[in-house]
């Protein structure tokens, strides 16, 4: 796949989940939209799967995963859940 953990982390630094604009989604459907997107990424992007597996045993990979979620998922959720910071 990626040769080394450093190559995986370099690839993961560019990793995009590409969430849709959740503000346009009915609040009751946000979880379904997120799950659908995560399953699609899981099925189509070997970087995500490799990073997820590496995060189980590597603190660096876990940090990378946390940064991806903090930078991409958290802001998208914050936009649709303003009452729940």
PDB file of N, CA and C in Angstrom:
ATOM      1  N   UNK A   1       0.800  -1.195   0.000  1.00  0.00           N
ATOM      2  CA  UNK A   1       0.000   0.000   0.000  1.00  0.00           C
ATOM      3  C   UNK A   1       0.852   1.271   0.000  1.00  0.00           C
ATOM      4  N   UNK A   2       1.483   1.584   1.135  1.00  0.00           N
ATOM      5  CA  UNK A   2       2.133   2.881   1.270  1.00  0.00           C
ATOM      6  C   UNK A   2       3.623   2.795   1.537  1.00  0.00           C
ATOM      7  N   UNK A   3       4.175   1.593   1.687  1.00  0.00           N
ATOM      8  CA  UNK A   3       5.607   1.447   1.868  1.00  0.00           C
ATOM      9  C   UNK A   3       6.050   1.612   3.307  1.00  0.00           C
ATOM     10  N   UNK A   4       5.798   2.751   3.897  1.00  0.00           N
ATOM     11  CA  UNK A   4       6.216   3.005   5.268  1.00  0.00           C
ATOM     12  C   UNK A   4       5.144   3.826   5.984  1.00  0.00           C
ATOM     13  N   UNK A   5       5.263   3.872   7.301  1.00  0.00           N
ATOM     14  CA  UNK A   5       4.310   4.693   8.061  1.00  0.00           C
ATOM     15  C   UNK A   5       4.462   6.159   7.691  1.00  0.00           C
ATOM     16  N   UNK A   6       5.675   6.597   7.432  1.00  0.00           N
ATOM     17  CA  UNK A   6       5.889   7.994   7.058  1.00  0.00           C
ATOM     18  C   UNK A   6       5.177   8.317   5.744  1.00  0.00           C
ATOM     19  N   UNK A   7       5.212   7.384   4.794  1.00  0.00           N
ATOM     20  CA  UNK A   7       4.508   7.608   3.525  1.00  0.00           C
ATOM     21  C   UNK A   7       2.994   7.625   3.745  1.00  0.00           C
ATOM     22  N   UNK A   8       2.516   6.753   4.625  1.00  0.00           N
ATOM     23  CA  UNK A   8       1.091   6.748   4.955  1.00  0.00           C
ATOM     24  C   UNK A   8       0.685   8.078   5.572  1.00  0.00           C
ATOM     25  N   UNK A   9       1.478   8.575   6.523  1.00  0.00           N
ATOM     26  CA  UNK A   9       1.131   9.823   7.190  1.00  0.00           C
ATOM     27  C   UNK A   9       1.201  10.997   6.226  1.00  0.00           C
ATOM     28  N   UNK A  10       2.153  10.970   5.303  1.00  0.00           N
ATOM     29  CA  UNK A  10       2.236  12.031   4.303  1.00  0.00           C
ATOM     30  C   UNK A  10       0.993  12.023   3.421  1.00  0.00           C
ATOM     31  N   UNK A  11       0.556  10.843   3.030  1.00  0.00           N
ATOM     32  CA  UNK A  11      -0.668  10.714   2.227  1.00  0.00           C
ATOM     33  C   UNK A  11      -1.885  11.143   3.039  1.00  0.00           C
ATOM     34  N   UNK A  12      -1.904  10.768   4.295  1.00  0.00           N
ATOM     35  CA  UNK A  12      -3.037  11.102   5.163  1.00  0.00           C
ATOM     36  C   UNK A  12      -3.136  12.603   5.404  1.00  0.00           C
ATOM     37  N   UNK A  13      -2.010  13.290   5.372  1.00  0.00           N
ATOM     38  CA  UNK A  13      -2.030  14.741   5.570  1.00  0.00           C
ATOM     39  C   UNK A  13      -2.834  15.421   4.466  1.00  0.00           C
ATOM     40  N   UNK A  14      -2.917  14.784   3.307  1.00  0.00           N
ATOM     41  CA  UNK A  14      -3.677  15.313   2.169  1.00  0.00           C
ATOM     42  C   UNK A  14      -5.074  14.707   2.087  1.00  0.00           C
ATOM     43  N   UNK A  15      -5.394  13.821   2.993  1.00  0.00           N
ATOM     44  CA  UNK A  15      -6.648  13.079   2.960  1.00  0.00           C
ATOM     45  C   UNK A  15      -7.848  14.006   3.157  1.00  0.00           C
ATOM     46  N   UNK A  16      -8.862  13.854   2.322  1.00  0.00           N
ATOM     47  CA  UNK A  16     -10.086  14.653   2.416  1.00  0.00           C
ATOM     48  C   UNK A  16     -11.287  13.720   2.521  1.00  0.00           C
ATOM     49  N   UNK A  17     -12.132  14.006   3.475  1.00  0.00           N
ATOM     50  CA  UNK A  17     -13.377  13.251   3.600  1.00  0.00           C
ATOM     51  C   UNK A  17     -14.429  13.824   2.660  1.00  0.00           C
ATOM     52  N   UNK A  18     -14.313  15.095   2.338  1.00  0.00           N
ATOM     53  CA  UNK A  18     -15.237  15.760   1.409  1.00  0.00           C
ATOM     54  C   UNK A  18     -16.699  15.581   1.816  1.00  0.00           C
ATOM     55  N   UNK A  19     -16.999  16.090   2.979  1.00  0.00           N
ATOM     56  CA  UNK A  19     -18.379  16.038   3.454  1.00  0.00           C
ATOM     57  C   UNK A  19     -19.253  17.001   2.661  1.00  0.00           C
ATOM     58  N   UNK A  20     -20.499  16.653   2.479  1.00  0.00           N
ATOM     59  CA  UNK A  20     -21.417  17.597   1.837  1.00  0.00           C
ATOM     60  C   UNK A  20     -21.719  18.749   2.793  1.00  0.00           C
ATOM     61  N   UNK A  21     -22.337  19.783   2.278  1.00  0.00           N
ATOM     62  CA  UNK A  21     -22.766  20.909   3.109  1.00  0.00           C
ATOM     63  C   UNK A  21     -23.903  20.422   3.998  1.00  0.00           C
ATOM     64  N   UNK A  22     -23.591  20.192   5.265  1.00  0.00           N
ATOM     65  CA  UNK A  22     -24.597  19.646   6.174  1.00  0.00           C
ATOM     66  C   UNK A  22     -25.674  20.652   6.551  1.00  0.00           C
ATOM     67  N   UNK A  23     -25.416  21.941   6.310  1.00  0.00           N
ATOM     68  CA  UNK A  23     -26.443  22.936   6.617  1.00  0.00           C
ATOM     69  C   UNK A  23     -27.639  22.802   5.676  1.00  0.00           C
ATOM     70  N   UNK A  24     -27.445  22.139   4.559  1.00  0.00           N
ATOM     71  CA  UNK A  24     -28.531  21.931   3.609  1.00  0.00           C
ATOM     72  C   UNK A  24     -29.284  20.628   3.876  1.00  0.00           C
ATOM     73  N   UNK A  25     -28.858  19.891   4.897  1.00  0.00           N
ATOM     74  CA  UNK A  25     -29.454  18.590   5.212  1.00  0.00           C
ATOM     75  C   UNK A  25     -30.441  18.750   6.364  1.00  0.00           C
ATOM     76  N   UNK A  26     -31.578  18.074   6.253  1.00  0.00           N
ATOM     77  CA  UNK A  26     -32.547  18.066   7.346  1.00  0.00           C
ATOM     78  C   UNK A  26     -31.839  17.545   8.601  1.00  0.00           C
ATOM     79  N   UNK A  27     -31.999  18.216   9.738  1.00  0.00           N
ATOM     80  CA  UNK A  27     -31.301  17.788  10.964  1.00  0.00           C
ATOM     81  C   UNK A  27     -31.513  16.314  11.312  1.00  0.00           C
ATOM     82  N   UNK A  28     -32.677  15.787  11.000  1.00  0.00           N
ATOM     83  CA  UNK A  28     -32.952  14.376  11.290  1.00  0.00           C
ATOM     84  C   UNK A  28     -32.159  13.431  10.393  1.00  0.00           C
ATOM     85  N   UNK A  29     -31.589  13.959   9.301  1.00  0.00           N
ATOM     86  CA  UNK A  29     -30.871  13.125   8.341  1.00  0.00           C
ATOM     87  C   UNK A  29     -29.349  13.275   8.411  1.00  0.00           C
ATOM     88  N   UNK A  30     -28.848  14.159   9.279  1.00  0.00           N
ATOM     89  CA  UNK A  30     -27.404  14.428   9.333  1.00  0.00           C
ATOM     90  C   UNK A  30     -26.616  13.155   9.625  1.00  0.00           C
ATOM     91  N   UNK A  31     -27.027  12.380  10.606  1.00  0.00           N
ATOM     92  CA  UNK A  31     -26.299  11.151  10.949  1.00  0.00           C
ATOM     93  C   UNK A  31     -26.263  10.187   9.770  1.00  0.00           C
ATOM     94  N   UNK A  32     -27.391  10.041   9.068  1.00  0.00           N
ATOM     95  CA  UNK A  32     -27.424   9.154   7.903  1.00  0.00           C
ATOM     96  C   UNK A  32     -26.480   9.624   6.808  1.00  0.00           C
ATOM     97  N   UNK A  33     -26.443  10.937   6.584  1.00  0.00           N
ATOM     98  CA  UNK A  33     -25.563  11.496   5.556  1.00  0.00           C
ATOM     99  C   UNK A  33     -24.097  11.261   5.930  1.00  0.00           C
ATOM    100  N   UNK A  34     -23.767  11.503   7.200  1.00  0.00           N
ATOM    101  CA  UNK A  34     -22.386  11.277   7.647  1.00  0.00           C
ATOM    102  C   UNK A  34     -21.982   9.818   7.527  1.00  0.00           C
ATOM    103  N   UNK A  35     -22.835   8.928   8.006  1.00  0.00           N
ATOM    104  CA  UNK A  35     -22.518   7.503   7.921  1.00  0.00           C
ATOM    105  C   UNK A  35     -22.365   7.050   6.476  1.00  0.00           C
ATOM    106  N   UNK A  36     -23.238   7.505   5.621  1.00  0.00           N
ATOM    107  CA  UNK A  36     -23.147   7.156   4.210  1.00  0.00           C
ATOM    108  C   UNK A  36     -21.816   7.607   3.619  1.00  0.00           C
ATOM    109  N   UNK A  37     -21.414   8.825   3.961  1.00  0.00           N
ATOM    110  CA  UNK A  37     -20.143   9.353   3.442  1.00  0.00           C
ATOM    111  C   UNK A  37     -18.960   8.565   4.000  1.00  0.00           C
ATOM    112  N   UNK A  38     -18.969   8.271   5.303  1.00  0.00           N
ATOM    113  CA  UNK A  38     -17.875   7.506   5.895  1.00  0.00           C
ATOM    114  C   UNK A  38     -17.767   6.116   5.279  1.00  0.00           C
ATOM    115  N   UNK A  39     -18.902   5.453   5.060  1.00  0.00           N
ATOM    116  CA  UNK A  39     -18.867   4.130   4.442  1.00  0.00           C
ATOM    117  C   UNK A  39     -18.339   4.202   3.012  1.00  0.00           C
ATOM    118  N   UNK A  40     -18.691   5.258   2.293  1.00  0.00           N
ATOM    119  CA  UNK A  40     -18.183   5.431   0.927  1.00  0.00           C
ATOM    120  C   UNK A  40     -16.668   5.641   0.938  1.00  0.00           C
ATOM    121  N   UNK A  41     -16.193   6.470   1.851  1.00  0.00           N
ATOM    122  CA  UNK A  41     -14.754   6.701   1.963  1.00  0.00           C
ATOM    123  C   UNK A  41     -14.049   5.403   2.334  1.00  0.00           C
ATOM    124  N   UNK A  42     -14.624   4.681   3.281  1.00  0.00           N
ATOM    125  CA  UNK A  42     -14.053   3.416   3.727  1.00  0.00           C
ATOM    126  C   UNK A  42     -13.921   2.455   2.542  1.00  0.00           C
ATOM    127  N   UNK A  43     -14.950   2.386   1.710  1.00  0.00           N
ATOM    128  CA  UNK A  43     -14.961   1.444   0.592  1.00  0.00           C
ATOM    129  C   UNK A  43     -14.053   1.868  -0.553  1.00  0.00           C
ATOM    130  N   UNK A  44     -13.861   3.170  -0.738  1.00  0.00           N
ATOM    131  CA  UNK A  44     -13.177   3.652  -1.937  1.00  0.00           C
ATOM    132  C   UNK A  44     -11.765   4.178  -1.715  1.00  0.00           C
ATOM    133  N   UNK A  45     -11.403   4.473  -0.485  1.00  0.00           N
ATOM    134  CA  UNK A  45     -10.124   5.146  -0.245  1.00  0.00           C
ATOM    135  C   UNK A  45      -9.228   4.312   0.658  1.00  0.00           C
ATOM    136  N   UNK A  46      -8.203   3.724   0.092  1.00  0.00           N
ATOM    137  CA  UNK A  46      -7.305   2.876   0.867  1.00  0.00           C
ATOM    138  C   UNK A  46      -6.535   3.669   1.918  1.00  0.00           C
ATOM    139  N   UNK A  47      -6.360   4.968   1.712  1.00  0.00           N
ATOM    140  CA  UNK A  47      -5.662   5.793   2.700  1.00  0.00           C
ATOM    141  C   UNK A  47      -6.425   5.803   4.012  1.00  0.00           C
ATOM    142  N   UNK A  48      -7.725   5.991   3.952  1.00  0.00           N
ATOM    143  CA  UNK A  48      -8.544   6.038   5.156  1.00  0.00           C
ATOM    144  C   UNK A  48      -8.472   4.720   5.913  1.00  0.00           C
ATOM    145  N   UNK A  49      -8.622   3.622   5.220  1.00  0.00           N
ATOM    146  CA  UNK A  49      -8.599   2.310   5.857  1.00  0.00           C
ATOM    147  C   UNK A  49      -7.228   2.045   6.476  1.00  0.00           C
ATOM    148  N   UNK A  50      -6.169   2.347   5.737  1.00  0.00           N
ATOM    149  CA  UNK A  50      -4.817   2.136   6.255  1.00  0.00           C
ATOM    150  C   UNK A  50      -4.556   3.008   7.480  1.00  0.00           C
ATOM    151  N   UNK A  51      -4.994   4.242   7.422  1.00  0.00           N
ATOM    152  CA  UNK A  51      -4.811   5.145   8.557  1.00  0.00           C
ATOM    153  C   UNK A  51      -5.606   4.661   9.764  1.00  0.00           C
ATOM    154  N   UNK A  52      -6.820   4.222   9.541  1.00  0.00           N
ATOM    155  CA  UNK A  52      -7.654   3.713  10.629  1.00  0.00           C
ATOM    156  C   UNK A  52      -7.002   2.492  11.281  1.00  0.00           C
ATOM    157  N   UNK A  53      -6.490   1.588  10.477  1.00  0.00           N
ATOM    158  CA  UNK A  53      -5.804   0.409  11.027  1.00  0.00           C
ATOM    159  C   UNK A  53      -4.552   0.804  11.786  1.00  0.00           C
ATOM    160  N   UNK A  54      -3.770   1.696  11.216  1.00  0.00           N
ATOM    161  CA  UNK A  54      -2.529   2.128  11.863  1.00  0.00           C
ATOM    162  C   UNK A  54      -2.809   2.860  13.171  1.00  0.00           C
ATOM    163  N   UNK A  55      -3.928   3.565  13.242  1.00  0.00           N
ATOM    164  CA  UNK A  55      -4.267   4.326  14.445  1.00  0.00           C
ATOM    165  C   UNK A  55      -4.493   3.426  15.651  1.00  0.00           C
ATOM    166  N   UNK A  56      -4.766   2.160  15.422  1.00  0.00           N
ATOM    167  CA  UNK A  56      -4.978   1.231  16.525  1.00  0.00           C
ATOM    168  C   UNK A  56      -3.686   0.938  17.281  1.00  0.00           C
ATOM    169  N   UNK A  57      -2.543   1.052  16.610  1.00  0.00           N
ATOM    170  CA  UNK A  57      -1.270   0.685  17.240  1.00  0.00           C
ATOM    171  C   UNK A  57      -0.229   1.791  17.194  1.00  0.00           C
ATOM    172  N   UNK A  58      -0.518   2.872  16.509  1.00  0.00           N
ATOM    173  CA  UNK A  58       0.466   3.942  16.355  1.00  0.00           C
ATOM    174  C   UNK A  58      -0.109   5.258  16.851  1.00  0.00           C
ATOM    175  N   UNK A  59       0.554   5.849  17.818  1.00  0.00           N
ATOM    176  CA  UNK A  59       0.115   7.135  18.344  1.00  0.00           C
ATOM    177  C   UNK A  59       0.171   8.217  17.261  1.00  0.00           C
ATOM    178  N   UNK A  60       1.169   8.151  16.386  1.00  0.00           N
ATOM    179  CA  UNK A  60       1.270   9.129  15.298  1.00  0.00           C
ATOM    180  C   UNK A  60       0.080   9.021  14.353  1.00  0.00           C
ATOM    181  N   UNK A  61      -0.304   7.802  14.032  1.00  0.00           N
ATOM    182  CA  UNK A  61      -1.466   7.601  13.158  1.00  0.00           C
ATOM    183  C   UNK A  61      -2.747   8.065  13.853  1.00  0.00           C
ATOM    184  N   UNK A  62      -2.862   7.775  15.137  1.00  0.00           N
ATOM    185  CA  UNK A  62      -4.035   8.222  15.897  1.00  0.00           C
ATOM    186  C   UNK A  62      -4.097   9.742  15.922  1.00  0.00           C
ATOM    187  N   UNK A  63      -2.949  10.408  16.099  1.00  0.00           N
ATOM    188  CA  UNK A  63      -2.912  11.873  16.069  1.00  0.00           C
ATOM    189  C   UNK A  63      -3.336  12.400  14.707  1.00  0.00           C
ATOM    190  N   UNK A  64      -2.877  11.739  13.647  1.00  0.00           N
ATOM    191  CA  UNK A  64      -3.256  12.153  12.295  1.00  0.00           C
ATOM    192  C   UNK A  64      -4.764  12.020  12.102  1.00  0.00           C
ATOM    193  N   UNK A  65      -5.321  10.920  12.569  1.00  0.00           N
ATOM    194  CA  UNK A  65      -6.769  10.700  12.455  1.00  0.00           C
ATOM    195  C   UNK A  65      -7.528  11.772  13.246  1.00  0.00           C
ATOM    196  N   UNK A  66      -7.051  12.083  14.444  1.00  0.00           N
ATOM    197  CA  UNK A  66      -7.710  13.129  15.249  1.00  0.00           C
ATOM    198  C   UNK A  66      -7.650  14.473  14.529  1.00  0.00           C
ATOM    199  N   UNK A  67      -6.519  14.784  13.912  1.00  0.00           N
ATOM    200  CA  UNK A  67      -6.392  16.063  13.188  1.00  0.00           C
ATOM    201  C   UNK A  67      -7.348  16.111  11.999  1.00  0.00           C
ATOM    202  N   UNK A  68      -7.466  15.011  11.262  1.00  0.00           N
ATOM    203  CA  UNK A  68      -8.386  14.961  10.124  1.00  0.00           C
ATOM    204  C   UNK A  68      -9.816  15.219  10.598  1.00  0.00           C
ATOM    205  N   UNK A  69     -10.216  14.549  11.675  1.00  0.00           N
ATOM    206  CA  UNK A  69     -11.579  14.726  12.174  1.00  0.00           C
ATOM    207  C   UNK A  69     -11.782  16.119  12.753  1.00  0.00           C
ATOM    208  N   UNK A  70     -10.779  16.633  13.458  1.00  0.00           N
ATOM    209  CA  UNK A  70     -10.906  17.982  14.031  1.00  0.00           C
ATOM    210  C   UNK A  70     -10.988  19.045  12.949  1.00  0.00           C
ATOM    211  N   UNK A  71     -10.271  18.855  11.871  1.00  0.00           N
ATOM    212  CA  UNK A  71     -10.244  19.856  10.800  1.00  0.00           C
ATOM    213  C   UNK A  71     -11.420  19.733   9.838  1.00  0.00           C
ATOM    214  N   UNK A  72     -11.946  18.522   9.651  1.00  0.00           N
ATOM    215  CA  UNK A  72     -12.962  18.329   8.623  1.00  0.00           C
ATOM    216  C   UNK A  72     -14.344  17.991   9.174  1.00  0.00           C
ATOM    217  N   UNK A  73     -14.413  17.119  10.138  1.00  0.00           N
ATOM    218  CA  UNK A  73     -15.719  16.666  10.629  1.00  0.00           C
ATOM    219  C   UNK A  73     -16.278  17.613  11.684  1.00  0.00           C
ATOM    220  N   UNK A  74     -15.461  17.987  12.641  1.00  0.00           N
ATOM    221  CA  UNK A  74     -15.945  18.846  13.732  1.00  0.00           C
ATOM    222  C   UNK A  74     -16.547  20.157  13.226  1.00  0.00           C
ATOM    223  N   UNK A  75     -15.889  20.881  12.306  1.00  0.00           N
ATOM    224  CA  UNK A  75     -16.508  22.124  11.815  1.00  0.00           C
ATOM    225  C   UNK A  75     -17.834  21.887  11.086  1.00  0.00           C
ATOM    226  N   UNK A  76     -17.923  20.796  10.345  1.00  0.00           N
ATOM    227  CA  UNK A  76     -19.172  20.492   9.632  1.00  0.00           C
ATOM    228  C   UNK A  76     -20.298  20.215  10.624  1.00  0.00           C
ATOM    229  N   UNK A  77     -19.976  19.498  11.690  1.00  0.00           N
ATOM    230  CA  UNK A  77     -20.990  19.230  12.713  1.00  0.00           C
ATOM    231  C   UNK A  77     -21.336  20.481  13.510  1.00  0.00           C
ATOM    232  N   UNK A  78     -20.350  21.300  13.799  1.00  0.00           N
ATOM    233  CA  UNK A  78     -20.600  22.534  14.549  1.00  0.00           C
ATOM    234  C   UNK A  78     -21.550  23.452  13.797  1.00  0.00           C
ATOM    235  N   UNK A  79     -21.484  23.423  12.476  1.00  0.00           N
ATOM    236  CA  UNK A  79     -22.346  24.277  11.660  1.00  0.00           C
ATOM    237  C   UNK A  79     -23.816  23.884  11.763  1.00  0.00           C
ATOM    238  N   UNK A  80     -24.071  22.614  12.079  1.00  0.00           N
ATOM    239  CA  UNK A  80     -25.466  22.159  12.149  1.00  0.00           C
ATOM    240  C   UNK A  80     -25.922  21.888  13.579  1.00  0.00           C
ATOM    241  N   UNK A  81     -25.034  22.075  14.536  1.00  0.00           N
ATOM    242  CA  UNK A  81     -25.396  21.874  15.940  1.00  0.00           C
ATOM    243  C   UNK A  81     -24.910  23.063  16.772  1.00  0.00           C
ATOM    244  N   UNK A  82     -25.363  24.270  16.441  1.00  0.00           N
ATOM    245  CA  UNK A  82     -24.856  25.453  17.146  1.00  0.00           C
ATOM    246  C   UNK A  82     -25.182  25.473  18.638  1.00  0.00           C
ATOM    247  N   UNK A  83     -26.204  24.752  19.050  1.00  0.00           N
ATOM    248  CA  UNK A  83     -26.580  24.728  20.463  1.00  0.00           C
ATOM    249  C   UNK A  83     -25.774  23.721  21.274  1.00  0.00           C
ATOM    250  N   UNK A  84     -24.923  22.953  20.590  1.00  0.00           N
ATOM    251  CA  UNK A  84     -24.142  21.903  21.252  1.00  0.00           C
ATOM    252  C   UNK A  84     -22.672  22.027  20.870  1.00  0.00           C
ATOM    253  N   UNK A  85     -21.951  22.971  21.508  1.00  0.00           N
ATOM    254  CA  UNK A  85     -20.537  23.176  21.136  1.00  0.00           C
ATOM    255  C   UNK A  85     -19.657  21.991  21.473  1.00  0.00           C
TER     256      UNK A  85
END
